[in-house]
Every structure is written in structure tokens, then in C-alpha cells.
C-alpha atoms as a PDB file:
ATOM      1  CA  UNK A   1      24.418 -32.459 -38.232  1.00  0.00           C
ATOM      2  CA  UNK A   2      25.904 -29.673 -40.558  1.00  0.00           C
ATOM      3  CA  UNK A   3      25.196 -26.190 -40.849  1.00  0.00           C
ATOM      4  CA  UNK A   4      21.917 -26.488 -43.000  1.00  0.00           C
ATOM      5  CA  UNK A   5      20.304 -28.612 -40.774  1.00  0.00           C
ATOM      6  CA  UNK A   6      20.765 -26.350 -38.039  1.00  0.00           C
ATOM      7  CA  UNK A   7      19.546 -23.438 -39.915  1.00  0.00           C
ATOM      8  CA  UNK A   8      16.187 -25.631 -40.784  1.00  0.00           C
ATOM      9  CA  UNK A   9      16.092 -26.536 -37.022  1.00  0.00           C
ATOM     10  CA  UNK A  10      16.172 -23.145 -35.734  1.00  0.00           C
ATOM     11  CA  UNK A  11      13.759 -21.846 -38.526  1.00  0.00           C
ATOM     12  CA  UNK A  12      10.971 -24.545 -37.338  1.00  0.00           C
ATOM     13  CA  UNK A  13      11.334 -23.604 -34.039  1.00  0.00           C
ATOM     14  CA  UNK A  14      11.113 -19.926 -34.906  1.00  0.00           C
ATOM     15  CA  UNK A  15       8.005 -20.821 -36.726  1.00  0.00           C
ATOM     16  CA  UNK A  16       6.514 -23.054 -33.903  1.00  0.00           C
ATOM     17  CA  UNK A  17       7.186 -20.243 -31.302  1.00  0.00           C
ATOM     18  CA  UNK A  18       5.171 -17.596 -33.436  1.00  0.00           C
ATOM     19  CA  UNK A  19       2.263 -19.641 -33.963  1.00  0.00           C
ATOM     20  CA  UNK A  20       2.175 -20.506 -30.420  1.00  0.00           C
ATOM     21  CA  UNK A  21       2.275 -16.644 -29.992  1.00  0.00           C
ATOM     22  CA  UNK A  22      -0.595 -16.305 -32.421  1.00  0.00           C
ATOM     23  CA  UNK A  23      -2.734 -19.070 -30.462  1.00  0.00           C
ATOM     24  CA  UNK A  24      -1.990 -17.742 -27.169  1.00  0.00           C
ATOM     25  CA  UNK A  25      -3.048 -13.716 -28.167  1.00  0.00           C
ATOM     26  CA  UNK A  26      -6.359 -15.328 -29.652  1.00  0.00           C
ATOM     27  CA  UNK A  27      -7.370 -17.535 -26.611  1.00  0.00           C
ATOM     28  CA  UNK A  28      -5.734 -15.527 -23.540  1.00  0.00           C
ATOM     29  CA  UNK A  29      -9.016 -16.374 -21.187  1.00  0.00           C
ATOM     30  CA  UNK A  30      -8.395 -20.047 -22.113  1.00  0.00           C
ATOM     31  CA  UNK A  31      -4.292 -20.032 -21.458  1.00  0.00           C
ATOM     32  CA  UNK A  32      -4.763 -17.778 -18.777  1.00  0.00           C
ATOM     33  CA  UNK A  33      -6.983 -20.845 -17.158  1.00  0.00           C
ATOM     34  CA  UNK A  34      -4.832 -23.404 -18.376  1.00  0.00           C
ATOM     35  CA  UNK A  35      -1.794 -22.324 -16.996  1.00  0.00           C
ATOM     36  CA  UNK A  36      -3.606 -21.669 -13.444  1.00  0.00           C
ATOM     37  CA  UNK A  37      -4.931 -25.187 -13.568  1.00  0.00           C
ATOM     38  CA  UNK A  38      -1.267 -26.274 -13.928  1.00  0.00           C
ATOM     39  CA  UNK A  39       0.122 -24.054 -11.314  1.00  0.00           C
ATOM     40  CA  UNK A  40      -2.784 -25.612  -8.482  1.00  0.00           C
ATOM     41  CA  UNK A  41      -1.918 -28.867  -9.722  1.00  0.00           C
ATOM     42  CA  UNK A  42       1.676 -28.487  -9.113  1.00  0.00           C
ATOM     43  CA  UNK A  43       2.021 -26.194  -6.513  1.00  0.00           C
ATOM     44  CA  UNK A  44       5.060 -27.978  -4.476  1.00  0.00           C
ATOM     45  CA  UNK A  45       6.879 -28.353  -8.154  1.00  0.00           C
ATOM     46  CA  UNK A  46       6.144 -24.303  -8.439  1.00  0.00           C
ATOM     47  CA  UNK A  47       7.245 -23.621  -4.577  1.00  0.00           C
ATOM     48  CA  UNK A  48      10.172 -25.501  -5.019  1.00  0.00           C
ATOM     49  CA  UNK A  49      11.232 -23.781  -8.251  1.00  0.00           C
ATOM     50  CA  UNK A  50      10.816 -20.459  -6.888  1.00  0.00           C
ATOM     51  CA  UNK A  51      12.564 -21.358  -3.762  1.00  0.00           C
ATOM     52  CA  UNK A  52      15.527 -22.395  -5.584  1.00  0.00           C
ATOM     53  CA  UNK A  53      15.601 -19.602  -7.970  1.00  0.00           C
ATOM     54  CA  UNK A  54      15.353 -16.844  -4.877  1.00  0.00           C
ATOM     55  CA  UNK A  55      18.065 -18.661  -3.200  1.00  0.00           C
ATOM     56  CA  UNK A  56      20.458 -18.228  -6.237  1.00  0.00           C
ATOM     57  CA  UNK A  57      19.033 -14.651  -7.060  1.00  0.00           C
ATOM     58  CA  UNK A  58      18.133 -13.144  -3.638  1.00  0.00           C
ATOM     59  CA  UNK A  59      20.030  -9.551  -4.492  1.00  0.00           C
ATOM     60  CA  UNK A  60      18.298  -9.439  -7.964  1.00  0.00           C
ATOM     61  CA  UNK A  61      14.577 -10.756  -6.543  1.00  0.00           C
ATOM     62  CA  UNK A  62      14.894  -7.862  -3.445  1.00  0.00           C
ATOM     63  CA  UNK A  63      15.376  -5.651  -5.723  1.00  0.00           C
ATOM     64  CA  UNK A  64      12.838  -6.086  -8.268  1.00  0.00           C
ATOM     65  CA  UNK A  65      10.445  -6.280  -5.250  1.00  0.00           C
ATOM     66  CA  UNK A  66      11.553  -2.895  -4.078  1.00  0.00           C
ATOM     67  CA  UNK A  67      11.127  -1.223  -7.811  1.00  0.00           C
ATOM     68  CA  UNK A  68       7.789  -2.498  -7.759  1.00  0.00           C
ATOM     69  CA  UNK A  69       7.071  -1.197  -4.139  1.00  0.00           C
ATOM     70  CA  UNK A  70       8.537   2.189  -4.937  1.00  0.00           C
ATOM     71  CA  UNK A  71       6.463   2.402  -8.544  1.00  0.00           C
ATOM     72  CA  UNK A  72       3.119   1.242  -6.956  1.00  0.00           C
ATOM     73  CA  UNK A  73       2.969   2.592  -3.395  1.00  0.00           C
ATOM     74  CA  UNK A  74      -0.655   3.221  -3.674  1.00  0.00           C
ATOM     75  CA  UNK A  75      -1.421  -0.130  -5.136  1.00  0.00           C
ATOM     76  CA  UNK A  76       0.922  -2.265  -2.492  1.00  0.00           C
ATOM     77  CA  UNK A  77      -0.445  -0.161   0.273  1.00  0.00           C
ATOM     78  CA  UNK A  78      -4.370  -0.997  -0.456  1.00  0.00           C
ATOM     79  CA  UNK A  79      -3.435  -4.528  -1.072  1.00  0.00           C
ATOM     80  CA  UNK A  80      -1.570  -4.689   2.420  1.00  0.00           C
ATOM     81  CA  UNK A  81      -4.915  -2.950   4.166  1.00  0.00           C
ATOM     82  CA  UNK A  82      -7.313  -5.040   2.457  1.00  0.00           C
ATOM     83  CA  UNK A  83      -5.380  -8.565   3.271  1.00  0.00           C
ATOM     84  CA  UNK A  84      -4.865  -7.214   7.292  1.00  0.00           C
ATOM     85  CA  UNK A  85      -8.998  -6.404   7.567  1.00  0.00           C
ATOM     86  CA  UNK A  86      -9.281  -9.633   5.760  1.00  0.00           C
ATOM     87  CA  UNK A  87      -7.189 -11.501   8.200  1.00  0.00           C
ATOM     88  CA  UNK A  88      -7.182  -9.561  11.630  1.00  0.00           C
ATOM     89  CA  UNK A  89      -6.915 -13.048  13.772  1.00  0.00           C
ATOM     90  CA  UNK A  90      -4.232 -14.715  11.682  1.00  0.00           C
ATOM     91  CA  UNK A  91      -2.123 -11.811  11.412  1.00  0.00           C
ATOM     92  CA  UNK A  92      -2.340 -11.279  15.380  1.00  0.00           C
ATOM     93  CA  UNK A  93      -1.302 -14.781  16.020  1.00  0.00           C
ATOM     94  CA  UNK A  94       1.422 -14.318  13.557  1.00  0.00           C
ATOM     95  CA  UNK A  95       2.650 -11.031  15.392  1.00  0.00           C
ATOM     96  CA  UNK A  96       2.383 -12.976  19.000  1.00  0.00           C
ATOM     97  CA  UNK A  97       4.106 -16.100  17.662  1.00  0.00           C
ATOM     98  CA  UNK A  98       7.212 -13.486  16.320  1.00  0.00           C
ATOM     99  CA  UNK A  99       7.157 -11.645  19.470  1.00  0.00           C
ATOM    100  CA  UNK A 100       7.348 -14.374  21.319  1.00  0.00           C
ATOM    101  CA  UNK A 101       9.907 -16.420  19.331  1.00  0.00           C
ATOM    102  CA  UNK A 102      12.185 -13.189  19.325  1.00  0.00           C
ATOM    103  CA  UNK A 103      12.058 -11.390  22.587  1.00  0.00           C
ATOM    104  CA  UNK A 104      15.663 -10.302  22.823  1.00  0.00           C
ATOM    105  CA  UNK A 105      14.999  -9.157  19.339  1.00  0.00           C
ATOM    106  CA  UNK A 106      11.758  -7.362  19.513  1.00  0.00           C
ATOM    107  CA  UNK A 107      13.059  -5.397  23.039  1.00  0.00           C
ATOM    108  CA  UNK A 108      16.414  -4.217  21.665  1.00  0.00           C
ATOM    109  CA  UNK A 109      14.470  -3.041  18.548  1.00  0.00           C
ATOM    110  CA  UNK A 110      11.858  -1.594  20.643  1.00  0.00           C
ATOM    111  CA  UNK A 111      14.762   0.282  23.038  1.00  0.00           C
ATOM    112  CA  UNK A 112      16.609   1.410  19.967  1.00  0.00           C
ATOM    113  CA  UNK A 113      13.756   3.210  18.444  1.00  0.00           C
ATOM    114  CA  UNK A 114      12.854   4.566  21.861  1.00  0.00           C
ATOM    115  CA  UNK A 115      16.325   6.267  22.073  1.00  0.00           C
ATOM    116  CA  UNK A 116      16.269   7.382  18.706  1.00  0.00           C
ATOM    117  CA  UNK A 117      12.638   8.907  18.847  1.00  0.00           C
ATOM    118  CA  UNK A 118      12.547  10.629  22.406  1.00  0.00           C
ATOM    119  CA  UNK A 119      10.753  13.558  21.249  1.00  0.00           C
ATOM    120  CA  UNK A 120       8.649  12.315  18.937  1.00  0.00           C
ATOM    121  CA  UNK A 121       7.635   9.645  21.795  1.00  0.00           C
ATOM    122  CA  UNK A 122       7.134  12.345  24.096  1.00  0.00           C
ATOM    123  CA  UNK A 123       4.778  14.468  21.488  1.00  0.00           C
ATOM    124  CA  UNK A 124       2.849  11.144  20.974  1.00  0.00           C
ATOM    125  CA  UNK A 125       1.999  10.820  24.840  1.00  0.00           C
ATOM    126  CA  UNK A 126       1.432  14.401  25.342  1.00  0.00           C
ATOM    127  CA  UNK A 127      -1.045  14.075  22.203  1.00  0.00           C
ATOM    128  CA  UNK A 128      -2.605  10.991  23.595  1.00  0.00           C
ATOM    129  CA  UNK A 129      -3.256  12.497  27.044  1.00  0.00           C
ATOM    130  CA  UNK A 130      -4.627  15.480  25.639  1.00  0.00           C
ATOM    131  CA  UNK A 131      -7.430  13.242  23.834  1.00  0.00           C
ATOM    132  CA  UNK A 132      -7.941  11.081  27.097  1.00  0.00           C
ATOM    133  CA  UNK A 133      -8.952  14.054  29.171  1.00  0.00           C
ATOM    134  CA  UNK A 134     -10.797  15.945  26.114  1.00  0.00           C
ATOM    135  CA  UNK A 135     -12.924  12.288  25.819  1.00  0.00           C
ATOM    136  CA  UNK A 136     -13.422  12.177  29.547  1.00  0.00           C
ATOM    137  CA  UNK A 137     -14.646  15.678  29.883  1.00  0.00           C
ATOM    138  CA  UNK A 138     -17.176  14.916  26.883  1.00  0.00           C
ATOM    139  CA  UNK A 139     -18.266  12.180  28.514  1.00  0.00           C
ATOM    140  CA  UNK A 140     -18.655  13.378  31.754  1.00  0.00           C
ATOM    141  CA  UNK A 141     -20.943  15.967  30.543  1.00  0.00           C
ATOM    142  CA  UNK A 142     -22.912  13.360  28.045  1.00  0.00           C
ATOM    143  CA  UNK A 143     -23.442  10.910  30.782  1.00  0.00           C
ATOM    144  CA  UNK A 144     -24.180  13.721  33.382  1.00  0.00           C
ATOM    145  CA  UNK A 145     -21.479  12.855  35.891  1.00  0.00           C
ATOM    146  CA  UNK A 146     -23.018   8.846  36.126  1.00  0.00           C
ATOM    147  CA  UNK A 147     -21.779   5.846  35.267  1.00  0.00           C
ATOM    148  CA  UNK A 148     -23.143   3.943  31.930  1.00  0.00           C
ATOM    149  CA  UNK A 149     -24.100   0.987  33.861  1.00  0.00           C
ATOM    150  CA  UNK A 150     -25.390   1.769  37.450  1.00  0.00           C
ATOM    151  CA  UNK A 151     -25.751   5.696  37.158  1.00  0.00           C
ATOM    152  CA  UNK A 152     -23.095   6.093  40.275  1.00  0.00           C
ATOM    153  CA  UNK A 153     -21.486   9.128  40.580  1.00  0.00           C
ATOM    154  CA  UNK A 154     -18.318   8.773  38.200  1.00  0.00           C
ATOM    155  CA  UNK A 155     -16.973  12.950  38.524  1.00  0.00           C
ATOM    156  CA  UNK A 156     -14.379  11.867  41.018  1.00  0.00           C
ATOM    157  CA  UNK A 157     -13.320   8.200  40.444  1.00  0.00           C
ATOM    158  CA  UNK A 158     -14.058   6.525  36.734  1.00  0.00           C
ATOM    159  CA  UNK A 159     -12.657   4.747  34.296  1.00  0.00           C
ATOM    160  CA  UNK A 160     -12.731   5.261  30.562  1.00  0.00           C
ATOM    161  CA  UNK A 161     -13.753   1.809  29.093  1.00  0.00           C
ATOM    162  CA  UNK A 162     -13.850   0.654  25.694  1.00  0.00           C
ATOM    163  CA  UNK A 163     -17.719  -0.661  25.071  1.00  0.00           C
ATOM    164  CA  UNK A 164     -15.904  -3.451  22.506  1.00  0.00           C
ATOM    165  CA  UNK A 165     -12.750  -4.245  23.825  1.00  0.00           C
ATOM    166  CA  UNK A 166      -9.866  -3.843  21.590  1.00  0.00           C
ATOM    167  CA  UNK A 167      -9.285  -7.518  22.458  1.00  0.00           C
ATOM    168  CA  UNK A 168     -12.560  -8.159  20.332  1.00  0.00           C
ATOM    169  CA  UNK A 169     -12.072  -5.956  17.418  1.00  0.00           C
ATOM    170  CA  UNK A 170     -12.867  -2.558  19.353  1.00  0.00           C
ATOM    171  CA  UNK A 171     -11.116   0.706  18.181  1.00  0.00           C
ATOM    172  CA  UNK A 172     -10.195   3.607  19.923  1.00  0.00           C
ATOM    173  CA  UNK A 173     -12.331   5.883  18.409  1.00  0.00           C
ATOM    174  CA  UNK A 174     -14.165   8.394  20.691  1.00  0.00           C
ATOM    175  CA  UNK A 175     -17.762   6.500  19.880  1.00  0.00           C
ATOM    176  CA  UNK A 176     -16.290   3.401  21.614  1.00  0.00           C
ATOM    177  CA  UNK A 177     -15.510   4.861  24.881  1.00  0.00           C
ATOM    178  CA  UNK A 178     -17.791   5.483  28.088  1.00  0.00           C
ATOM    179  CA  UNK A 179     -17.338   6.080  31.767  1.00  0.00           C
ATOM    180  CA  UNK A 180     -17.810   3.406  34.400  1.00  0.00           C
ATOM    181  CA  UNK A 181     -17.559   3.346  37.812  1.00  0.00           C
ATOM    182  CA  UNK A 182     -14.701   1.083  39.275  1.00  0.00           C
ATOM    183  CA  UNK A 183     -16.865  -1.454  39.872  1.00  0.00           C
ATOM    184  CA  UNK A 184     -18.743  -2.046  36.887  1.00  0.00           C
ATOM    185  CA  UNK A 185     -15.588  -1.641  34.768  1.00  0.00           C
ATOM    186  CA  UNK A 186     -13.866  -4.514  36.849  1.00  0.00           C
ATOM    187  CA  UNK A 187     -17.030  -6.547  36.359  1.00  0.00           C
ATOM    188  CA  UNK A 188     -17.103  -5.983  32.576  1.00  0.00           C
ATOM    189  CA  UNK A 189     -13.588  -6.555  31.737  1.00  0.00           C
ATOM    190  CA  UNK A 190     -13.483  -7.625  28.493  1.00  0.00           C
ATOM    191  CA  UNK A 191     -17.204  -9.029  28.258  1.00  0.00           C
ATOM    192  CA  UNK A 192     -19.539  -8.163  24.987  1.00  0.00           C
ATOM    193  CA  UNK A 193     -21.214  -4.986  25.932  1.00  0.00           C
ATOM    194  CA  UNK A 194     -24.644  -6.228  25.464  1.00  0.00           C
ATOM    195  CA  UNK A 195     -23.826  -9.058  27.346  1.00  0.00           C
ATOM    196  CA  UNK A 196     -22.481  -7.107  30.095  1.00  0.00           C
ATOM    197  CA  UNK A 197     -25.788  -5.227  30.352  1.00  0.00           C
ATOM    198  CA  UNK A 198     -27.904  -8.125  30.200  1.00  0.00           C
ATOM    199  CA  UNK A 199     -26.118  -9.640  33.375  1.00  0.00           C
ATOM    200  CA  UNK A 200     -27.057  -6.387  35.118  1.00  0.00           C
ATOM    201  CA  UNK A 201     -30.426  -6.604  34.076  1.00  0.00           C
ATOM    202  CA  UNK A 202     -30.566  -3.526  32.112  1.00  0.00           C
ATOM    203  CA  UNK A 203     -31.279  -5.580  29.077  1.00  0.00           C
ATOM    204  CA  UNK A 204     -34.001  -8.026  28.325  1.00  0.00           C
END
């Protein structure tokens, strides 16, 4: 193949590429659907290709991802929040499995964090104690010093209870707290609040 043939072949490739670009531009949705369908049908192939590329370009990929996160902080934060909200149980299971498999590493990380943030941790503890005291005083007034379940006096002895337990998705918001006497709190444990009240004969 001489130089003339090479020039002709290059020209043909350039024309084909130009035609393809024009077609792609005129058929964006169709092309997007076609590519999506192809990726769905070839997941393993794409996964293997990406893995090979990542292994050969770890630093480059890490830098690109970091640059994207820096340039799209709000978008990334919103995406992560939405994902966590939609996958609470999955995330909890993943985190638990990781902690179980990396106990020593997690212990060392927590210890290092505590050592580096003593003042911050002390302030957080003080803030939690103040908030807890505020909530308890508020509930003592709102509940007139009585257990929310059996109405026993809880002015001297009381437990601050999550109405919906944290294990079942309950929050630490003030609206999710109530004061129970020690006996009722032990009986309730992490039970659903409505189920517990029905057991106690408070609801039909």
C-alpha cells in the first residue's frame, strides 16, 4: 500500500466518522438507548474492562474522581444522601460487616480520632448532657411527672425512652422521646410503641 492509498483510506475513515457524528447528534435518544441496552447485555465485559483500566490507572482515576467531587460538592452530597436514605438497611449491614472484619483497624482509628479531638469530644459530650437534661425537664412538665405508659411517678426515677427505637429507624429528635418508669422501659425494650401499648391494654 503506497502513500496515496493511505491518504484515501484516512479520508474514508474521516468521512465515516463525520457521518457517524452527524447521525449521533440527530438521534441522541436512540443512540443513548442503544448504548444502554448494550451495556446491560454486556455487564461482565464492561466490568472486566473497567477493572483492567482502573488497575492500570489507579492514580489517574483517583485524581479524576477527586476533581469531580471538588467541583460538584453539592451534587455529590445530595446523591450520597439520597442513596443512604434509599438503602438504610443495606448500608447498615455493609458497615456492620466491615466493622466485624476490621475490628483492630476500627479500634485503632477510633483511638486515634479520640486522641486528636479531645476538646471537640468533650464539647460534644457536654452538649449531649445539656440536651438530655433539657429534654427530660421538658418531658417531666409535659407528662406531669408521670410515666407515659403506667402513669407511675417518675420525678425521682425515670428512663428516657425512644418511642420508636433507633434500631427500627427512630431518630434522636425531641419528638421521639418519652419518659418511662424503669419497669415499663425494660418491658418495652425495642418494641413498636403501638404494639407495646396494646400489650398494656392501652389501645384496642
